[in-house]
Amino acid sequence: MNEDSKSTSGSASEHVGDRGGKSVEKLREVIQDAWQRGAEEARAAADQAAPRAREVLIEVLNDLSYSLSFGASFASTLARDLVSEEVKESRSRGSEAGTRAAQEVLSKMNPPRPEPPGAEPGGAMGGGAA
């Protein structure tokens, strides 16, 4: 009876092993299919959302640009018309200093290109003295 039970249990073990392998394979397929469907749905949602996100960004930039321009013009007009001459002079000096500072930053970000050997000062546009 021992030999019979060994052969029977061996077959049952092999049968359970086969079923386990099939179950794992089926589970892998289900997970892979779900992952792929999820990725496709995410891509489709992103494709639909992208144009709206761009529209919202443009609206925000337009509103920001308007608000900054309005604020700068409003404050400048009030300052020009309502304050004393000393404040007006300070505003003018501050504006000039801000312009110079911005130009310095820009020149550091985009340094001028060196003149090629043999080129005339002022470049091809005739900026040199005549």
C-alpha atoms as a PDB file:
ATOM      1  CA  MET A   1       0.000   0.000   0.000  1.00  0.00           C
ATOM      2  CA  ASN A   2       2.941   2.244   0.542  1.00  0.00           C
ATOM      3  CA  GLU A   3       4.032   1.949  -3.064  1.00  0.00           C
ATOM      4  CA  ASP A   4       0.504   2.680  -4.266  1.00  0.00           C
ATOM      5  CA  SER A   5       0.198   5.738  -2.090  1.00  0.00           C
ATOM      6  CA  LYS A   6       3.622   6.971  -3.273  1.00  0.00           C
ATOM      7  CA  SER A   7       2.641   6.676  -6.911  1.00  0.00           C
ATOM      8  CA  THR A   8      -0.753   8.205  -6.294  1.00  0.00           C
ATOM      9  CA  SER A   9       0.653  11.056  -4.226  1.00  0.00           C
ATOM     10  CA  GLY A  10       3.367  11.609  -6.829  1.00  0.00           C
ATOM     11  CA  SER A  11       0.775  11.972  -9.573  1.00  0.00           C
ATOM     12  CA  ALA A  12      -1.347  14.240  -7.446  1.00  0.00           C
ATOM     13  CA  SER A  13       1.709  16.359  -6.672  1.00  0.00           C
ATOM     14  CA  GLU A  14       2.558  16.644 -10.355  1.00  0.00           C
ATOM     15  CA  HIS A  15      -1.070  17.485 -11.147  1.00  0.00           C
ATOM     16  CA  VAL A  16      -1.169  20.215  -8.462  1.00  0.00           C
ATOM     17  CA  GLY A  17       2.164  21.552  -9.759  1.00  0.00           C
ATOM     18  CA  ASP A  18       0.757  21.775 -13.277  1.00  0.00           C
ATOM     19  CA  ARG A  19      -2.325  23.586 -12.054  1.00  0.00           C
ATOM     20  CA  GLY A  20      -0.182  25.944  -9.990  1.00  0.00           C
ATOM     21  CA  GLY A  21       1.959  26.770 -13.007  1.00  0.00           C
ATOM     22  CA  LYS A  22      -1.126  27.410 -15.111  1.00  0.00           C
ATOM     23  CA  SER A  23      -2.605  29.594 -12.372  1.00  0.00           C
ATOM     24  CA  VAL A  24       0.575  31.652 -12.119  1.00  0.00           C
ATOM     25  CA  GLU A  25       0.700  32.017 -15.896  1.00  0.00           C
ATOM     26  CA  LYS A  26      -2.970  33.051 -15.995  1.00  0.00           C
ATOM     27  CA  LEU A  27      -2.387  35.557 -13.174  1.00  0.00           C
ATOM     28  CA  ARG A  28       0.611  36.988 -15.063  1.00  0.00           C
ATOM     29  CA  GLU A  29      -1.504  37.378 -18.197  1.00  0.00           C
ATOM     30  CA  VAL A  30      -4.311  39.084 -16.272  1.00  0.00           C
ATOM     31  CA  ILE A  31      -1.873  41.504 -14.629  1.00  0.00           C
ATOM     32  CA  GLN A  32      -0.120  42.232 -17.931  1.00  0.00           C
ATOM     33  CA  ASP A  33      -3.453  42.806 -19.684  1.00  0.00           C
ATOM     34  CA  ALA A  34      -4.669  45.117 -16.912  1.00  0.00           C
ATOM     35  CA  TRP A  35      -1.360  47.031 -16.972  1.00  0.00           C
ATOM     36  CA  GLN A  36      -1.560  47.454 -20.743  1.00  0.00           C
ATOM     37  CA  ARG A  37      -5.209  48.595 -20.645  1.00  0.00           C
ATOM     38  CA  GLY A  38      -4.371  51.045 -17.867  1.00  0.00           C
ATOM     39  CA  ALA A  39      -1.468  52.477 -19.871  1.00  0.00           C
ATOM     40  CA  GLU A  40      -3.670  52.858 -22.963  1.00  0.00           C
ATOM     41  CA  GLU A  41      -6.396  54.590 -20.946  1.00  0.00           C
ATOM     42  CA  ALA A  42      -3.836  56.904 -19.343  1.00  0.00           C
ATOM     43  CA  ARG A  43      -2.418  57.830 -22.761  1.00  0.00           C
ATOM     44  CA  ALA A  44      -5.906  58.521 -24.095  1.00  0.00           C
ATOM     45  CA  ALA A  45      -6.762  60.678 -21.066  1.00  0.00           C
ATOM     46  CA  ALA A  46      -3.502  62.610 -21.413  1.00  0.00           C
ATOM     47  CA  ASP A  47      -4.136  63.164 -25.125  1.00  0.00           C
ATOM     48  CA  GLN A  48      -7.572  64.572 -24.305  1.00  0.00           C
ATOM     49  CA  ALA A  49      -6.301  66.691 -21.408  1.00  0.00           C
ATOM     50  CA  ALA A  50      -3.273  68.196 -23.181  1.00  0.00           C
ATOM     51  CA  PRO A  51      -5.173  70.710 -25.358  1.00  0.00           C
ATOM     52  CA  ARG A  52      -7.239  71.909 -22.376  1.00  0.00           C
ATOM     53  CA  ALA A  53      -4.137  72.182 -20.183  1.00  0.00           C
ATOM     54  CA  ARG A  54      -2.499  74.310 -22.887  1.00  0.00           C
ATOM     55  CA  GLU A  55      -5.591  76.547 -23.072  1.00  0.00           C
ATOM     56  CA  VAL A  56      -5.573  77.003 -19.292  1.00  0.00           C
ATOM     57  CA  LEU A  57      -1.864  77.836 -19.309  1.00  0.00           C
ATOM     58  CA  ILE A  58      -2.395  80.429 -22.039  1.00  0.00           C
ATOM     59  CA  GLU A  59      -5.286  81.961 -20.074  1.00  0.00           C
ATOM     60  CA  VAL A  60      -3.149  82.141 -16.923  1.00  0.00           C
ATOM     61  CA  LEU A  61      -0.266  83.756 -18.815  1.00  0.00           C
ATOM     62  CA  ASN A  62      -2.628  86.256 -20.449  1.00  0.00           C
ATOM     63  CA  ASP A  63      -4.163  87.165 -17.085  1.00  0.00           C
ATOM     64  CA  LEU A  64      -0.737  87.443 -15.467  1.00  0.00           C
ATOM     65  CA  SER A  65       0.591  89.599 -18.293  1.00  0.00           C
ATOM     66  CA  TYR A  66      -2.441  91.879 -18.122  1.00  0.00           C
ATOM     67  CA  SER A  67      -2.237  92.185 -14.334  1.00  0.00           C
ATOM     68  CA  LEU A  68       1.468  92.986 -14.313  1.00  0.00           C
ATOM     69  CA  SER A  69       1.116  95.536 -17.111  1.00  0.00           C
ATOM     70  CA  PHE A  70      -1.901  97.137 -15.473  1.00  0.00           C
ATOM     71  CA  GLY A  71      -0.149  97.331 -12.102  1.00  0.00           C
ATOM     72  CA  ALA A  72       3.033  98.812 -13.538  1.00  0.00           C
ATOM     73  CA  SER A  73       1.163 101.399 -15.630  1.00  0.00           C
ATOM     74  CA  PHE A  74      -1.231 102.303 -12.842  1.00  0.00           C
ATOM     75  CA  ALA A  75       1.545 102.787 -10.280  1.00  0.00           C
ATOM     76  CA  SER A  76       3.701 104.684 -12.754  1.00  0.00           C
ATOM     77  CA  THR A  77       0.888 107.046 -13.692  1.00  0.00           C
ATOM     78  CA  LEU A  78       0.021 107.723 -10.051  1.00  0.00           C
ATOM     79  CA  ALA A  79       3.661 108.266  -9.188  1.00  0.00           C
ATOM     80  CA  ARG A  80       4.124 110.611 -12.120  1.00  0.00           C
ATOM     81  CA  ASP A  81       1.115 112.759 -11.332  1.00  0.00           C
ATOM     82  CA  LEU A  82       0.785 112.685  -7.546  1.00  0.00           C
ATOM     83  CA  VAL A  83       4.253 112.781  -6.006  1.00  0.00           C
ATOM     84  CA  SER A  84       6.848 115.449  -5.445  1.00  0.00           C
ATOM     85  CA  GLU A  85       9.763 116.231  -7.741  1.00  0.00           C
ATOM     86  CA  GLU A  86      12.207 114.392  -5.410  1.00  0.00           C
ATOM     87  CA  VAL A  87      10.241 111.180  -5.712  1.00  0.00           C
ATOM     88  CA  LYS A  88       9.996 111.618  -9.483  1.00  0.00           C
ATOM     89  CA  GLU A  89      13.784 111.986  -9.685  1.00  0.00           C
ATOM     90  CA  SER A  90      14.253 108.869  -7.547  1.00  0.00           C
ATOM     91  CA  ARG A  91      11.856 106.953  -9.775  1.00  0.00           C
ATOM     92  CA  SER A  92      13.814 108.076 -12.842  1.00  0.00           C
ATOM     93  CA  ARG A  93      17.175 107.085 -11.314  1.00  0.00           C
ATOM     94  CA  GLY A  94      15.739 103.755 -10.187  1.00  0.00           C
ATOM     95  CA  SER A  95      14.361 103.082 -13.645  1.00  0.00           C
ATOM     96  CA  GLU A  96      17.736 103.841 -15.243  1.00  0.00           C
ATOM     97  CA  ALA A  97      19.567 101.658 -12.696  1.00  0.00           C
ATOM     98  CA  GLY A  98      17.108  98.817 -13.283  1.00  0.00           C
ATOM     99  CA  THR A  99      17.600  99.088 -17.039  1.00  0.00           C
ATOM    100  CA  ARG A 100      21.398  98.950 -16.655  1.00  0.00           C
ATOM    101  CA  ALA A 101      21.172  95.971 -14.276  1.00  0.00           C
ATOM    102  CA  ALA A 102      18.939  94.078 -16.695  1.00  0.00           C
ATOM    103  CA  GLN A 103      21.303  94.837 -19.579  1.00  0.00           C
ATOM    104  CA  GLU A 104      24.255  93.529 -17.527  1.00  0.00           C
ATOM    105  CA  VAL A 105      22.406  90.305 -16.760  1.00  0.00           C
ATOM    106  CA  LEU A 106      21.490  89.889 -20.414  1.00  0.00           C
ATOM    107  CA  SER A 107      25.067  90.516 -21.535  1.00  0.00           C
ATOM    108  CA  LYS A 108      26.287  87.808 -19.139  1.00  0.00           C
ATOM    109  CA  MET A 109      23.652  85.389 -20.432  1.00  0.00           C
ATOM    110  CA  ASN A 110      24.430  86.162 -24.076  1.00  0.00           C
ATOM    111  CA  PRO A 111      28.028  87.423 -24.276  1.00  0.00           C
ATOM    112  CA  PRO A 112      28.964  89.159 -27.551  1.00  0.00           C
ATOM    113  CA  ARG A 113      30.646  86.939 -30.096  1.00  0.00           C
ATOM    114  CA  PRO A 114      34.291  87.702 -30.845  1.00  0.00           C
ATOM    115  CA  GLU A 115      34.989  89.326 -34.209  1.00  0.00           C
ATOM    116  CA  PRO A 116      36.412  86.892 -36.773  1.00  0.00           C
ATOM    117  CA  PRO A 117      40.036  87.580 -37.750  1.00  0.00           C
ATOM    118  CA  GLY A 118      40.279  90.232 -40.466  1.00  0.00           C
ATOM    119  CA  ALA A 119      36.733  91.531 -39.892  1.00  0.00           C
ATOM    120  CA  GLU A 120      36.149  95.265 -39.804  1.00  0.00           C
ATOM    121  CA  PRO A 121      35.031  96.774 -36.477  1.00  0.00           C
ATOM    122  CA  GLY A 122      31.267  97.191 -36.423  1.00  0.00           C
ATOM    123  CA  GLY A 123      30.604  94.065 -38.495  1.00  0.00           C
ATOM    124  CA  ALA A 124      28.984  93.770 -41.906  1.00  0.00           C
ATOM    125  CA  MET A 125      26.331  96.385 -41.121  1.00  0.00           C
ATOM    126  CA  GLY A 126      28.843  99.206 -41.470  1.00  0.00           C
ATOM    127  CA  GLY A 127      28.759 100.165 -37.788  1.00  0.00           C
ATOM    128  CA  GLY A 128      32.384 101.458 -37.946  1.00  0.00           C
ATOM    129  CA  ALA A 129      33.349 105.044 -38.543  1.00  0.00           C
ATOM    130  CA  ALA A 130      33.236 106.200 -42.134  1.00  0.00           C
END
